[in-house]
Structures are given as C-alpha cells and as structure tokens.
C-alpha atoms as a PDB file:
ATOM      1  CA  MET A   1      28.307  32.094 -96.556  1.00  0.00           C
ATOM      2  CA  PRO A   2      29.687  28.591 -96.742  1.00  0.00           C
ATOM      3  CA  ILE A   3      32.747  27.598 -98.793  1.00  0.00           C
ATOM      4  CA  TYR A   4      32.215  24.755-101.163  1.00  0.00           C
ATOM      5  CA  GLU A   5      34.969  22.720-102.849  1.00  0.00           C
ATOM      6  CA  TYR A   6      34.562  21.342-106.319  1.00  0.00           C
ATOM      7  CA  LYS A   7      36.762  18.936-108.256  1.00  0.00           C
ATOM      8  CA  CYS A   8      36.757  18.989-112.208  1.00  0.00           C
ATOM      9  CA  SER A   9      36.616  15.569-113.868  1.00  0.00           C
ATOM     10  CA  LYS A  10      38.270  16.949-116.807  1.00  0.00           C
ATOM     11  CA  CYS A  11      41.369  18.704-115.699  1.00  0.00           C
ATOM     12  CA  GLY A  12      41.505  17.577-111.919  1.00  0.00           C
ATOM     13  CA  GLU A  13      41.741  20.971-110.785  1.00  0.00           C
ATOM     14  CA  ILE A  14      40.108  21.594-107.116  1.00  0.00           C
ATOM     15  CA  PHE A  15      38.698  24.858-106.353  1.00  0.00           C
ATOM     16  CA  GLU A  16      36.557  26.624-103.649  1.00  0.00           C
ATOM     17  CA  ALA A  17      33.343  28.798-104.348  1.00  0.00           C
ATOM     18  CA  PHE A  18      31.462  30.880-101.811  1.00  0.00           C
ATOM     19  CA  GLN A  19      27.699  30.157-102.231  1.00  0.00           C
ATOM     20  CA  LYS A  20      24.679  30.477-100.452  1.00  0.00           C
ATOM     21  CA  ILE A  21      23.188  27.152 -98.880  1.00  0.00           C
ATOM     22  CA  SER A  22      20.065  27.822-101.068  1.00  0.00           C
ATOM     23  CA  ASP A  23      22.140  28.071-104.254  1.00  0.00           C
ATOM     24  CA  ASP A  24      22.453  25.159-106.726  1.00  0.00           C
ATOM     25  CA  PRO A  25      25.846  23.544-107.020  1.00  0.00           C
ATOM     26  CA  LEU A  26      28.197  24.432-109.683  1.00  0.00           C
ATOM     27  CA  THR A  27      28.151  22.168-112.887  1.00  0.00           C
ATOM     28  CA  HIS A  28      31.074  23.558-114.750  1.00  0.00           C
ATOM     29  CA  CYS A  29      34.651  24.002-114.058  1.00  0.00           C
ATOM     30  CA  LYS A  30      35.675  27.769-113.944  1.00  0.00           C
ATOM     31  CA  TYR A  31      39.228  26.835-115.698  1.00  0.00           C
ATOM     32  CA  CYS A  32      38.282  24.549-118.454  1.00  0.00           C
ATOM     33  CA  LYS A  33      34.393  24.390-118.354  1.00  0.00           C
ATOM     34  CA  GLY A  34      34.553  20.648-117.652  1.00  0.00           C
ATOM     35  CA  LYS A  35      31.972  18.841-115.348  1.00  0.00           C
ATOM     36  CA  VAL A  36      32.566  19.360-111.779  1.00  0.00           C
ATOM     37  CA  GLU A  37      31.488  17.358-108.694  1.00  0.00           C
ATOM     38  CA  ARG A  38      31.146  18.969-105.069  1.00  0.00           C
ATOM     39  CA  ILE A  39      33.601  17.317-102.552  1.00  0.00           C
ATOM     40  CA  PHE A  40      33.426  17.313 -98.908  1.00  0.00           C
ATOM     41  CA  SER A  41      36.745  17.899 -97.149  1.00  0.00           C
ATOM     42  CA  GLN A  42      37.415  17.485 -93.360  1.00  0.00           C
ATOM     43  CA  THR A  43      37.071  20.505 -91.187  1.00  0.00           C
ATOM     44  CA  SER A  44      39.787  21.817 -88.778  1.00  0.00           C
ATOM     45  CA  PHE A  45      37.122  22.527 -86.167  1.00  0.00           C
ATOM     46  CA  GLN A  46      36.999  19.758 -83.534  1.00  0.00           C
ATOM     47  CA  LEU A  47      35.141  19.339 -80.063  1.00  0.00           C
ATOM     48  CA  LYS A  48      37.046  16.680 -78.124  1.00  0.00           C
ATOM     49  CA  GLY A  49      36.251  15.118 -74.734  1.00  0.00           C
ATOM     50  CA  SER A  50      33.106  14.745 -72.826  1.00  0.00           C
ATOM     51  CA  GLY A  51      31.402  17.891 -71.041  1.00  0.00           C
ATOM     52  CA  TRP A  52      33.643  20.388 -72.806  1.00  0.00           C
ATOM     53  CA  TYR A  53      30.907  22.928 -72.567  1.00  0.00           C
ATOM     54  CA  LEU A  54      30.263  22.297 -68.697  1.00  0.00           C
ATOM     55  CA  THR A  55      33.725  22.351 -67.849  1.00  0.00           C
ATOM     56  CA  ASP A  56      35.037  25.243 -70.037  1.00  0.00           C
ATOM     57  CA  TYR A  57      32.264  27.724 -70.312  1.00  0.00           C
ATOM     58  CA  SER A  58      29.332  27.374 -68.307  1.00  0.00           C
ATOM     59  CA  ARG A  59      30.404  28.313 -64.769  1.00  0.00           C
ATOM     60  CA  LYS A  60      32.060  31.368 -63.894  1.00  0.00           C
ATOM     61  CA  SER A  61      34.997  31.267 -62.017  1.00  0.00           C
ATOM     62  CA  GLN A  62      34.858  31.175 -58.337  1.00  0.00           C
ATOM     63  CA  PRO A  63      37.234  32.686 -55.825  1.00  0.00           C
ATOM     64  CA  ALA A  64      39.717  30.165 -54.110  1.00  0.00           C
ATOM     65  CA  GLY A  65      38.629  28.385 -51.124  1.00  0.00           C
ATOM     66  CA  THR A  66      34.865  28.189 -52.003  1.00  0.00           C
ATOM     67  CA  SER A  67      32.985  25.065 -53.097  1.00  0.00           C
ATOM     68  CA  GLY A  68      31.538  24.406 -56.625  1.00  0.00           C
ATOM     69  CA  ASP A  69      27.993  24.268 -55.973  1.00  0.00           C
ATOM     70  CA  SER A  70      26.323  25.478 -52.855  1.00  0.00           C
ATOM     71  CA  GLY A  71      22.903  24.328 -53.710  1.00  0.00           C
ATOM     72  CA  ALA A  72      21.447  27.928 -53.682  1.00  0.00           C
ATOM     73  CA  LYS A  73      20.871  29.999 -56.738  1.00  0.00           C
ATOM     74  CA  SER A  74      23.044  33.052 -56.991  1.00  0.00           C
ATOM     75  CA  GLY A  75      21.613  35.881 -55.338  1.00  0.00           C
ATOM     76  CA  GLU A  76      19.568  33.842 -52.953  1.00  0.00           C
ATOM     77  CA  LYS A  77      20.424  33.617 -49.053  1.00  0.00           C
ATOM     78  CA  PRO A  78      21.019  30.190 -47.832  1.00  0.00           C
ATOM     79  CA  ALA A  79      17.968  28.849 -45.694  1.00  0.00           C
ATOM     80  CA  LYS A  80      18.647  29.250 -41.997  1.00  0.00           C
ATOM     81  CA  SER A  81      18.861  25.956 -40.139  1.00  0.00           C
ATOM     82  CA  THR A  82      16.633  25.451 -37.016  1.00  0.00           C
ATOM     83  CA  ASP A  83      18.063  24.040 -33.915  1.00  0.00           C
ATOM     84  CA  SER A  84      15.944  21.719 -31.888  1.00  0.00           C
ATOM     85  CA  THR A  85      17.290  23.605 -28.734  1.00  0.00           C
ATOM     86  CA  SER A  86      16.195  26.942 -29.756  1.00  0.00           C
ATOM     87  CA  ALA A  87      12.908  26.132 -31.294  1.00  0.00           C
ATOM     88  CA  PRO A  88      10.080  26.785 -28.610  1.00  0.00           C
ATOM     89  CA  SER A  89       8.546  23.823 -26.962  1.00  0.00           C
ATOM     90  CA  SER A  90       4.826  23.243 -26.850  1.00  0.00           C
ATOM     91  CA  THR A  91       3.304  21.943 -23.868  1.00  0.00           C
ATOM     92  CA  THR A  92       0.011  20.424 -23.724  1.00  0.00           C
END
C-alpha cells in the first residue's frame, strides 16, 4: 500500500497515512481535527544515466576473453562458412 503524506492547515503537523490507491484522501487531521491537504514529497529512488537496464541487468556476465554479442542466439550453433575451394565445381 502506498504511503501518503498530509499537512494540517490548522496545527501545521505533517503525518503519513497508509492508504489504498482507491481510498479517498483524508480530510481531517488525526491530531487536532483540522483540515488537511495531501502533499507530495520527493522520493529517494532514482534512476540515473542512459541505458541503466541494458548495462546493469539484461546481459549475463560472460567469461573473460569472449566477445559481447556473437550474433547467434544462445543454444544455436554458428553457421558453417563455405569456402570456394572446398565447394564442388560444376562443369557444363
């Protein structure tokens, strides 16, 4: 459940209330029964930088000496390269 902060216009007290998102906002102070107003405070959760998801979480760590993306999906064998000297020549 979200935590909402309210400020009383009568006594100036700031307090928190656990409420469902669907609940109506509080209208009276729990200390002096004065009128309250919901306030918005800054959260401490921050996402900084570009691509934080890709660089931090999406790829599994790979052993040293291997390249990042080989072009093949995991579990697939790389395609065999065909060399022109080993290919059968056709004579007509």
